[in-house]
Amino acid sequence: MVGYGEKYPQRIHNRGSSLPSLQQKSEPFGCGDAFQSYYYTSEPNTNILIRAVVGGPNHEDEFYDDRDNYAQSEQATYINAPLVGSLASLASTSGS
């Protein structure tokens, strides 16, 4: 989960998260410039997607924090659905 703990994912496969905000960079830039300057860098994303759940570790329990590794670093509804379903089940059976 992004933003929690000491070692959370910092290079999320997400264009909005990897681009600087208008407060950080007020000059306009095109789509091609954004990919070359921000998306294809090894620097952490400038905008942290707090609470985003990403793909997670591979079958050998390894996680490569790399934007190009979308299988592990992308947040998407199909990744979040099992977590949300499990938590909803626990909430409905906890008696509260």
PDB file of N, CA and C in Angstrom:
ATOM      1  N   MET A   1       0.849  -1.169   0.000  1.00  0.00           N
ATOM      2  CA  MET A   1       0.000   0.000   0.000  1.00  0.00           C
ATOM      3  C   MET A   1       0.899   1.238   0.000  1.00  0.00           C
ATOM      4  N   VAL A   2       0.634   2.127  -0.885  1.00  0.00           N
ATOM      5  CA  VAL A   2       1.467   3.308  -1.081  1.00  0.00           C
ATOM      6  C   VAL A   2       1.279   4.318   0.059  1.00  0.00           C
ATOM      7  N   GLY A   3       2.392   4.825   0.544  1.00  0.00           N
ATOM      8  CA  GLY A   3       2.366   5.883   1.544  1.00  0.00           C
ATOM      9  C   GLY A   3       2.434   5.407   2.980  1.00  0.00           C
ATOM     10  N   TYR A   4       2.497   4.094   3.205  1.00  0.00           N
ATOM     11  CA  TYR A   4       2.517   3.562   4.563  1.00  0.00           C
ATOM     12  C   TYR A   4       3.781   2.741   4.790  1.00  0.00           C
ATOM     13  N   GLY A   5       4.316   2.844   5.992  1.00  0.00           N
ATOM     14  CA  GLY A   5       5.520   2.101   6.326  1.00  0.00           C
ATOM     15  C   GLY A   5       6.761   2.829   5.841  1.00  0.00           C
ATOM     16  N   GLU A   6       7.887   2.208   6.084  1.00  0.00           N
ATOM     17  CA  GLU A   6       9.155   2.821   5.705  1.00  0.00           C
ATOM     18  C   GLU A   6       9.546   2.529   4.262  1.00  0.00           C
ATOM     19  N   LYS A   7       9.069   1.401   3.701  1.00  0.00           N
ATOM     20  CA  LYS A   7       9.456   1.005   2.344  1.00  0.00           C
ATOM     21  C   LYS A   7       8.221   0.771   1.482  1.00  0.00           C
ATOM     22  N   TYR A   8       7.530   1.833   1.153  1.00  0.00           N
ATOM     23  CA  TYR A   8       6.362   1.686   0.281  1.00  0.00           C
ATOM     24  C   TYR A   8       6.778   1.956  -1.171  1.00  0.00           C
ATOM     25  N   PRO A   9       6.012   1.489  -2.151  1.00  0.00           N
ATOM     26  CA  PRO A   9       6.338   1.729  -3.560  1.00  0.00           C
ATOM     27  C   PRO A   9       6.364   3.220  -3.873  1.00  0.00           C
ATOM     28  N   GLN A  10       7.395   3.675  -4.578  1.00  0.00           N
ATOM     29  CA  GLN A  10       7.541   5.087  -4.890  1.00  0.00           C
ATOM     30  C   GLN A  10       7.567   5.385  -6.383  1.00  0.00           C
ATOM     31  N   ARG A  11       7.585   4.368  -7.200  1.00  0.00           N
ATOM     32  CA  ARG A  11       7.605   4.551  -8.653  1.00  0.00           C
ATOM     33  C   ARG A  11       6.396   3.841  -9.255  1.00  0.00           C
ATOM     34  N   ILE A  12       5.230   4.398  -8.977  1.00  0.00           N
ATOM     35  CA  ILE A  12       3.959   3.801  -9.395  1.00  0.00           C
ATOM     36  C   ILE A  12       3.751   4.004 -10.893  1.00  0.00           C
ATOM     37  N   HIS A  13       3.232   2.983 -11.552  1.00  0.00           N
ATOM     38  CA  HIS A  13       2.912   3.048 -12.983  1.00  0.00           C
ATOM     39  C   HIS A  13       1.631   3.863 -13.135  1.00  0.00           C
ATOM     40  N   ASN A  14       1.772   5.189 -13.044  1.00  0.00           N
ATOM     41  CA  ASN A  14       0.620   6.092 -13.101  1.00  0.00           C
ATOM     42  C   ASN A  14       1.109   7.446 -13.602  1.00  0.00           C
ATOM     43  N   ARG A  15       0.565   7.892 -14.708  1.00  0.00           N
ATOM     44  CA  ARG A  15       1.043   9.139 -15.308  1.00  0.00           C
ATOM     45  C   ARG A  15       0.832  10.329 -14.384  1.00  0.00           C
ATOM     46  N   GLY A  16      -0.340  10.465 -13.794  1.00  0.00           N
ATOM     47  CA  GLY A  16      -0.613  11.603 -12.920  1.00  0.00           C
ATOM     48  C   GLY A  16       0.290  11.656 -11.707  1.00  0.00           C
ATOM     49  N   SER A  17       0.659  10.508 -11.213  1.00  0.00           N
ATOM     50  CA  SER A  17       1.536  10.453 -10.045  1.00  0.00           C
ATOM     51  C   SER A  17       2.986  10.747 -10.397  1.00  0.00           C
ATOM     52  N   SER A  18       3.389  10.438 -11.608  1.00  0.00           N
ATOM     53  CA  SER A  18       4.792  10.629 -11.982  1.00  0.00           C
ATOM     54  C   SER A  18       5.076  12.026 -12.526  1.00  0.00           C
ATOM     55  N   LEU A  19       4.042  12.797 -12.861  1.00  0.00           N
ATOM     56  CA  LEU A  19       4.236  14.150 -13.379  1.00  0.00           C
ATOM     57  C   LEU A  19       4.225  15.175 -12.251  1.00  0.00           C
ATOM     58  N   PRO A  20       4.978  16.265 -12.390  1.00  0.00           N
ATOM     59  CA  PRO A  20       4.951  17.305 -11.360  1.00  0.00           C
ATOM     60  C   PRO A  20       3.637  18.085 -11.407  1.00  0.00           C
ATOM     61  N   SER A  21       3.224  18.628 -10.271  1.00  0.00           N
ATOM     62  CA  SER A  21       2.017  19.444 -10.230  1.00  0.00           C
ATOM     63  C   SER A  21       2.324  20.837 -10.769  1.00  0.00           C
ATOM     64  N   LEU A  22       1.293  21.635 -10.984  1.00  0.00           N
ATOM     65  CA  LEU A  22       1.494  22.998 -11.479  1.00  0.00           C
ATOM     66  C   LEU A  22       2.258  23.852 -10.474  1.00  0.00           C
ATOM     67  N   GLN A  23       2.149  23.536  -9.186  1.00  0.00           N
ATOM     68  CA  GLN A  23       2.901  24.285  -8.187  1.00  0.00           C
ATOM     69  C   GLN A  23       4.396  23.977  -8.292  1.00  0.00           C
ATOM     70  N   GLN A  24       4.747  22.797  -8.751  1.00  0.00           N
ATOM     71  CA  GLN A  24       6.154  22.409  -8.880  1.00  0.00           C
ATOM     72  C   GLN A  24       6.755  22.864 -10.209  1.00  0.00           C
ATOM     73  N   LYS A  25       5.960  22.849 -11.262  1.00  0.00           N
ATOM     74  CA  LYS A  25       6.454  23.207 -12.602  1.00  0.00           C
ATOM     75  C   LYS A  25       5.332  23.928 -13.333  1.00  0.00           C
ATOM     76  N   SER A  26       5.445  25.222 -13.432  1.00  0.00           N
ATOM     77  CA  SER A  26       4.361  26.009 -14.018  1.00  0.00           C
ATOM     78  C   SER A  26       4.425  26.083 -15.545  1.00  0.00           C
ATOM     79  N   GLU A  27       5.571  25.746 -16.152  1.00  0.00           N
ATOM     80  CA  GLU A  27       5.663  25.777 -17.607  1.00  0.00           C
ATOM     81  C   GLU A  27       4.953  24.564 -18.200  1.00  0.00           C
ATOM     82  N   PRO A  28       4.198  24.749 -19.270  1.00  0.00           N
ATOM     83  CA  PRO A  28       3.522  23.597 -19.891  1.00  0.00           C
ATOM     84  C   PRO A  28       4.530  22.656 -20.555  1.00  0.00           C
ATOM     85  N   PHE A  29       4.158  21.399 -20.636  1.00  0.00           N
ATOM     86  CA  PHE A  29       4.975  20.415 -21.340  1.00  0.00           C
ATOM     87  C   PHE A  29       4.048  19.444 -22.042  1.00  0.00           C
ATOM     88  N   GLY A  30       4.521  18.926 -23.162  1.00  0.00           N
ATOM     89  CA  GLY A  30       3.716  18.021 -23.972  1.00  0.00           C
ATOM     90  C   GLY A  30       3.803  16.580 -23.483  1.00  0.00           C
ATOM     91  N   CYS A  31       2.999  15.743 -24.080  1.00  0.00           N
ATOM     92  CA  CYS A  31       2.949  14.329 -23.682  1.00  0.00           C
ATOM     93  C   CYS A  31       4.307  13.653 -23.886  1.00  0.00           C
ATOM     94  N   GLY A  32       4.949  13.892 -25.011  1.00  0.00           N
ATOM     95  CA  GLY A  32       6.258  13.292 -25.272  1.00  0.00           C
ATOM     96  C   GLY A  32       7.306  13.765 -24.289  1.00  0.00           C
ATOM     97  N   ASP A  33       7.280  15.050 -23.967  1.00  0.00           N
ATOM     98  CA  ASP A  33       8.215  15.598 -22.975  1.00  0.00           C
ATOM     99  C   ASP A  33       7.995  14.953 -21.620  1.00  0.00           C
ATOM    100  N   ALA A  34       6.757  14.735 -21.273  1.00  0.00           N
ATOM    101  CA  ALA A  34       6.439  14.148 -19.962  1.00  0.00           C
ATOM    102  C   ALA A  34       6.999  12.730 -19.861  1.00  0.00           C
ATOM    103  N   PHE A  35       6.851  11.956 -20.923  1.00  0.00           N
ATOM    104  CA  PHE A  35       7.376  10.588 -20.877  1.00  0.00           C
ATOM    105  C   PHE A  35       8.888  10.580 -20.737  1.00  0.00           C
ATOM    106  N   GLN A  36       9.563  11.374 -21.546  1.00  0.00           N
ATOM    107  CA  GLN A  36      11.017  11.374 -21.520  1.00  0.00           C
ATOM    108  C   GLN A  36      11.575  11.951 -20.223  1.00  0.00           C
ATOM    109  N   SER A  37      10.990  13.025 -19.729  1.00  0.00           N
ATOM    110  CA  SER A  37      11.536  13.726 -18.565  1.00  0.00           C
ATOM    111  C   SER A  37      11.114  13.137 -17.229  1.00  0.00           C
ATOM    112  N   TYR A  38       9.912  12.571 -17.161  1.00  0.00           N
ATOM    113  CA  TYR A  38       9.385  12.150 -15.861  1.00  0.00           C
ATOM    114  C   TYR A  38       9.080  10.659 -15.776  1.00  0.00           C
ATOM    115  N   TYR A  39       8.376  10.134 -16.769  1.00  0.00           N
ATOM    116  CA  TYR A  39       7.968   8.736 -16.696  1.00  0.00           C
ATOM    117  C   TYR A  39       9.161   7.794 -16.804  1.00  0.00           C
ATOM    118  N   TYR A  40      10.104   8.087 -17.672  1.00  0.00           N
ATOM    119  CA  TYR A  40      11.251   7.203 -17.886  1.00  0.00           C
ATOM    120  C   TYR A  40      12.445   7.545 -17.002  1.00  0.00           C
ATOM    121  N   THR A  41      12.214   8.108 -15.836  1.00  0.00           N
ATOM    122  CA  THR A  41      13.289   8.400 -14.900  1.00  0.00           C
ATOM    123  C   THR A  41      13.248   7.396 -13.751  1.00  0.00           C
ATOM    124  N   SER A  42      14.353   7.234 -13.083  1.00  0.00           N
ATOM    125  CA  SER A  42      14.377   6.327 -11.926  1.00  0.00           C
ATOM    126  C   SER A  42      14.048   7.055 -10.631  1.00  0.00           C
ATOM    127  N   GLU A  43      13.760   8.355 -10.723  1.00  0.00           N
ATOM    128  CA  GLU A  43      13.395   9.133  -9.539  1.00  0.00           C
ATOM    129  C   GLU A  43      12.009   8.719  -9.031  1.00  0.00           C
ATOM    130  N   PRO A  44      11.762   8.855  -7.730  1.00  0.00           N
ATOM    131  CA  PRO A  44      10.422   8.562  -7.202  1.00  0.00           C
ATOM    132  C   PRO A  44       9.372   9.495  -7.806  1.00  0.00           C
ATOM    133  N   ASN A  45       8.131   9.057  -7.824  1.00  0.00           N
ATOM    134  CA  ASN A  45       7.043   9.898  -8.321  1.00  0.00           C
ATOM    135  C   ASN A  45       6.958  11.178  -7.505  1.00  0.00           C
ATOM    136  N   THR A  46       6.629  12.271  -8.167  1.00  0.00           N
ATOM    137  CA  THR A  46       6.520  13.552  -7.461  1.00  0.00           C
ATOM    138  C   THR A  46       5.234  13.645  -6.653  1.00  0.00           C
ATOM    139  N   ASN A  47       4.204  12.930  -7.044  1.00  0.00           N
ATOM    140  CA  ASN A  47       2.926  12.916  -6.324  1.00  0.00           C
ATOM    141  C   ASN A  47       2.707  11.515  -5.756  1.00  0.00           C
ATOM    142  N   ILE A  48       2.549  11.417  -4.463  1.00  0.00           N
ATOM    143  CA  ILE A  48       2.378  10.119  -3.802  1.00  0.00           C
ATOM    144  C   ILE A  48       0.912   9.737  -3.801  1.00  0.00           C
ATOM    145  N   LEU A  49       0.592   8.578  -4.327  1.00  0.00           N
ATOM    146  CA  LEU A  49      -0.783   8.067  -4.353  1.00  0.00           C
ATOM    147  C   LEU A  49      -1.073   7.354  -3.035  1.00  0.00           C
ATOM    148  N   ILE A  50      -1.279   8.125  -1.991  1.00  0.00           N
ATOM    149  CA  ILE A  50      -1.486   7.536  -0.663  1.00  0.00           C
ATOM    150  C   ILE A  50      -2.696   6.606  -0.681  1.00  0.00           C
ATOM    151  N   ARG A  51      -2.537   5.428  -0.106  1.00  0.00           N
ATOM    152  CA  ARG A  51      -3.546   4.367   0.028  1.00  0.00           C
ATOM    153  C   ARG A  51      -3.784   3.582  -1.255  1.00  0.00           C
ATOM    154  N   ALA A  52      -3.029   3.838  -2.305  1.00  0.00           N
ATOM    155  CA  ALA A  52      -3.185   3.041  -3.525  1.00  0.00           C
ATOM    156  C   ALA A  52      -2.599   1.649  -3.288  1.00  0.00           C
ATOM    157  N   VAL A  53      -3.313   0.643  -3.722  1.00  0.00           N
ATOM    158  CA  VAL A  53      -2.823  -0.731  -3.615  1.00  0.00           C
ATOM    159  C   VAL A  53      -2.305  -1.128  -4.994  1.00  0.00           C
ATOM    160  N   VAL A  54      -1.053  -1.536  -5.046  1.00  0.00           N
ATOM    161  CA  VAL A  54      -0.439  -1.920  -6.322  1.00  0.00           C
ATOM    162  C   VAL A  54      -0.333  -3.437  -6.409  1.00  0.00           C
ATOM    163  N   GLY A  55       0.152  -3.915  -7.544  1.00  0.00           N
ATOM    164  CA  GLY A  55       0.226  -5.356  -7.799  1.00  0.00           C
ATOM    165  C   GLY A  55       0.948  -6.162  -6.747  1.00  0.00           C
ATOM    166  N   GLY A  56       2.022  -5.637  -6.193  1.00  0.00           N
ATOM    167  CA  GLY A  56       2.725  -6.330  -5.120  1.00  0.00           C
ATOM    168  C   GLY A  56       3.813  -7.256  -5.597  1.00  0.00           C
ATOM    169  N   PRO A  57       4.324  -8.075  -4.688  1.00  0.00           N
ATOM    170  CA  PRO A  57       5.475  -8.929  -5.006  1.00  0.00           C
ATOM    171  C   PRO A  57       5.131 -10.032  -6.004  1.00  0.00           C
ATOM    172  N   ASN A  58       6.169 -10.562  -6.632  1.00  0.00           N
ATOM    173  CA  ASN A  58       5.983 -11.648  -7.585  1.00  0.00           C
ATOM    174  C   ASN A  58       5.912 -12.994  -6.862  1.00  0.00           C
ATOM    175  N   HIS A  59       5.919 -14.071  -7.608  1.00  0.00           N
ATOM    176  CA  HIS A  59       5.777 -15.413  -7.017  1.00  0.00           C
ATOM    177  C   HIS A  59       6.961 -15.805  -6.142  1.00  0.00           C
ATOM    178  N   GLU A  60       8.062 -15.082  -6.228  1.00  0.00           N
ATOM    179  CA  GLU A  60       9.217 -15.346  -5.365  1.00  0.00           C
ATOM    180  C   GLU A  60       9.328 -14.319  -4.232  1.00  0.00           C
ATOM    181  N   ASP A  61       8.233 -13.585  -3.999  1.00  0.00           N
ATOM    182  CA  ASP A  61       8.139 -12.577  -2.936  1.00  0.00           C
ATOM    183  C   ASP A  61       9.132 -11.431  -3.139  1.00  0.00           C
ATOM    184  N   GLU A  62       9.400 -11.082  -4.404  1.00  0.00           N
ATOM    185  CA  GLU A  62      10.285  -9.972  -4.730  1.00  0.00           C
ATOM    186  C   GLU A  62       9.449  -8.844  -5.325  1.00  0.00           C
ATOM    187  N   PHE A  63       9.788  -7.618  -4.976  1.00  0.00           N
ATOM    188  CA  PHE A  63       9.088  -6.461  -5.529  1.00  0.00           C
ATOM    189  C   PHE A  63      10.104  -5.508  -6.130  1.00  0.00           C
ATOM    190  N   TYR A  64       9.926  -5.202  -7.409  1.00  0.00           N
ATOM    191  CA  TYR A  64      10.810  -4.275  -8.110  1.00  0.00           C
ATOM    192  C   TYR A  64      10.064  -2.963  -8.301  1.00  0.00           C
ATOM    193  N   ASP A  65      10.479  -1.939  -7.585  1.00  0.00           N
ATOM    194  CA  ASP A  65       9.836  -0.627  -7.608  1.00  0.00           C
ATOM    195  C   ASP A  65      10.260   0.115  -8.870  1.00  0.00           C
ATOM    196  N   ASP A  66       9.586  -0.188  -9.976  1.00  0.00           N
ATOM    197  CA  ASP A  66       9.958   0.339 -11.280  1.00  0.00           C
ATOM    198  C   ASP A  66       8.684   0.629 -12.072  1.00  0.00           C
ATOM    199  N   ARG A  67       8.553   1.829 -12.614  1.00  0.00           N
ATOM    200  CA  ARG A  67       7.356   2.204 -13.375  1.00  0.00           C
ATOM    201  C   ARG A  67       7.107   1.294 -14.564  1.00  0.00           C
ATOM    202  N   ASP A  68       8.155   0.822 -15.213  1.00  0.00           N
ATOM    203  CA  ASP A  68       7.974  -0.052 -16.374  1.00  0.00           C
ATOM    204  C   ASP A  68       7.453  -1.432 -15.986  1.00  0.00           C
ATOM    205  N   ASN A  69       7.557  -1.794 -14.751  1.00  0.00           N
ATOM    206  CA  ASN A  69       7.088  -3.085 -14.255  1.00  0.00           C
ATOM    207  C   ASN A  69       5.623  -2.946 -13.814  1.00  0.00           C
ATOM    208  N   TYR A  70       4.735  -2.733 -14.779  1.00  0.00           N
ATOM    209  CA  TYR A  70       3.338  -2.442 -14.459  1.00  0.00           C
ATOM    210  C   TYR A  70       2.638  -3.586 -13.722  1.00  0.00           C
ATOM    211  N   ALA A  71       3.080  -4.815 -13.904  1.00  0.00           N
ATOM    212  CA  ALA A  71       2.444  -5.939 -13.209  1.00  0.00           C
ATOM    213  C   ALA A  71       2.572  -5.802 -11.695  1.00  0.00           C
ATOM    214  N   GLN A  72       3.645  -5.189 -11.235  1.00  0.00           N
ATOM    215  CA  GLN A  72       3.853  -5.019  -9.800  1.00  0.00           C
ATOM    216  C   GLN A  72       3.582  -3.600  -9.333  1.00  0.00           C
ATOM    217  N   SER A  73       3.706  -2.604 -10.197  1.00  0.00           N
ATOM    218  CA  SER A  73       3.637  -1.223  -9.717  1.00  0.00           C
ATOM    219  C   SER A  73       2.408  -0.443 -10.170  1.00  0.00           C
ATOM    220  N   GLU A  74       1.434  -1.098 -10.772  1.00  0.00           N
ATOM    221  CA  GLU A  74       0.227  -0.405 -11.224  1.00  0.00           C
ATOM    222  C   GLU A  74      -0.898  -0.597 -10.219  1.00  0.00           C
ATOM    223  N   GLN A  75      -1.639   0.472  -9.968  1.00  0.00           N
ATOM    224  CA  GLN A  75      -2.833   0.370  -9.131  1.00  0.00           C
ATOM    225  C   GLN A  75      -4.037   0.269 -10.066  1.00  0.00           C
ATOM    226  N   ALA A  76      -4.944  -0.632  -9.759  1.00  0.00           N
ATOM    227  CA  ALA A  76      -6.108  -0.838 -10.615  1.00  0.00           C
ATOM    228  C   ALA A  76      -7.213  -1.507  -9.804  1.00  0.00           C
ATOM    229  N   THR A  77      -8.437  -1.418 -10.290  1.00  0.00           N
ATOM    230  CA  THR A  77      -9.563  -1.983  -9.558  1.00  0.00           C
ATOM    231  C   THR A  77      -9.460  -3.502  -9.426  1.00  0.00           C
ATOM    232  N   TYR A  78      -8.928  -4.186 -10.439  1.00  0.00           N
ATOM    233  CA  TYR A  78      -8.826  -5.645 -10.330  1.00  0.00           C
ATOM    234  C   TYR A  78      -7.815  -6.069  -9.263  1.00  0.00           C
ATOM    235  N   ILE A  79      -6.891  -5.171  -8.914  1.00  0.00           N
ATOM    236  CA  ILE A  79      -5.944  -5.460  -7.838  1.00  0.00           C
ATOM    237  C   ILE A  79      -6.590  -5.191  -6.479  1.00  0.00           C
ATOM    238  N   ASN A  80      -7.384  -4.135  -6.411  1.00  0.00           N
ATOM    239  CA  ASN A  80      -8.018  -3.745  -5.153  1.00  0.00           C
ATOM    240  C   ASN A  80      -9.234  -4.590  -4.801  1.00  0.00           C
ATOM    241  N   ALA A  81      -9.890  -5.166  -5.779  1.00  0.00           N
ATOM    242  CA  ALA A  81     -11.139  -5.888  -5.542  1.00  0.00           C
ATOM    243  C   ALA A  81     -11.015  -7.021  -4.516  1.00  0.00           C
ATOM    244  N   PRO A  82     -10.010  -7.880  -4.572  1.00  0.00           N
ATOM    245  CA  PRO A  82      -9.912  -8.948  -3.565  1.00  0.00           C
ATOM    246  C   PRO A  82      -9.739  -8.400  -2.144  1.00  0.00           C
ATOM    247  N   LEU A  83      -8.974  -7.334  -2.008  1.00  0.00           N
ATOM    248  CA  LEU A  83      -8.783  -6.724  -0.683  1.00  0.00           C
ATOM    249  C   LEU A  83     -10.090  -6.134  -0.168  1.00  0.00           C
ATOM    250  N   VAL A  84     -10.782  -5.388  -1.004  1.00  0.00           N
ATOM    251  CA  VAL A  84     -12.043  -4.772  -0.597  1.00  0.00           C
ATOM    252  C   VAL A  84     -13.075  -5.843  -0.283  1.00  0.00           C
ATOM    253  N   GLY A  85     -13.159  -6.891  -1.096  1.00  0.00           N
ATOM    254  CA  GLY A  85     -14.108  -7.971  -0.840  1.00  0.00           C
ATOM    255  C   GLY A  85     -13.825  -8.680   0.473  1.00  0.00           C
ATOM    256  N   SER A  86     -12.562  -8.949   0.752  1.00  0.00           N
ATOM    257  CA  SER A  86     -12.191  -9.604   2.012  1.00  0.00           C
ATOM    258  C   SER A  86     -12.520  -8.732   3.216  1.00  0.00           C
ATOM    259  N   LEU A  87     -12.204  -7.452   3.123  1.00  0.00           N
ATOM    260  CA  LEU A  87     -12.513  -6.537   4.238  1.00  0.00           C
ATOM    261  C   LEU A  87     -14.019  -6.374   4.431  1.00  0.00           C
ATOM    262  N   ALA A  88     -14.780  -6.346   3.338  1.00  0.00           N
ATOM    263  CA  ALA A  88     -16.243  -6.255   3.452  1.00  0.00           C
ATOM    264  C   ALA A  88     -16.803  -7.502   4.119  1.00  0.00           C
ATOM    265  N   SER A  89     -16.272  -8.658   3.784  1.00  0.00           N
ATOM    266  CA  SER A  89     -16.713  -9.901   4.411  1.00  0.00           C
ATOM    267  C   SER A  89     -16.411  -9.900   5.900  1.00  0.00           C
ATOM    268  N   LEU A  90     -15.214  -9.476   6.265  1.00  0.00           N
ATOM    269  CA  LEU A  90     -14.863  -9.402   7.683  1.00  0.00           C
ATOM    270  C   LEU A  90     -15.749  -8.425   8.434  1.00  0.00           C
ATOM    271  N   ALA A  91     -16.043  -7.290   7.802  1.00  0.00           N
ATOM    272  CA  ALA A  91     -16.893  -6.282   8.450  1.00  0.00           C
ATOM    273  C   ALA A  91     -18.308  -6.808   8.652  1.00  0.00           C
ATOM    274  N   SER A  92     -18.815  -7.562   7.679  1.00  0.00           N
ATOM    275  CA  SER A  92     -20.196  -8.044   7.787  1.00  0.00           C
ATOM    276  C   SER A  92     -20.341  -9.198   8.773  1.00  0.00           C
ATOM    277  N   THR A  93     -19.274  -9.917   9.056  1.00  0.00           N
ATOM    278  CA  THR A  93     -19.351 -11.046   9.980  1.00  0.00           C
ATOM    279  C   THR A  93     -18.815 -10.722  11.361  1.00  0.00           C
ATOM    280  N   SER A  94     -18.345  -9.486  11.565  1.00  0.00           N
ATOM    281  CA  SER A  94     -17.756  -9.159  12.859  1.00  0.00           C
ATOM    282  C   SER A  94     -18.796  -8.792  13.902  1.00  0.00           C
ATOM    283  N   GLY A  95     -20.042  -8.631  13.505  1.00  0.00           N
ATOM    284  CA  GLY A  95     -21.110  -8.344  14.460  1.00  0.00           C
ATOM    285  C   GLY A  95     -21.221  -6.876  14.820  1.00  0.00           C
ATOM    286  N   SER A  96     -20.536  -6.009  14.115  1.00  0.00           N
ATOM    287  CA  SER A  96     -20.664  -4.584  14.434  1.00  0.00           C
ATOM    288  C   SER A  96     -21.458  -3.842  13.403  1.00  0.00           C
TER     289      SER A  96
END
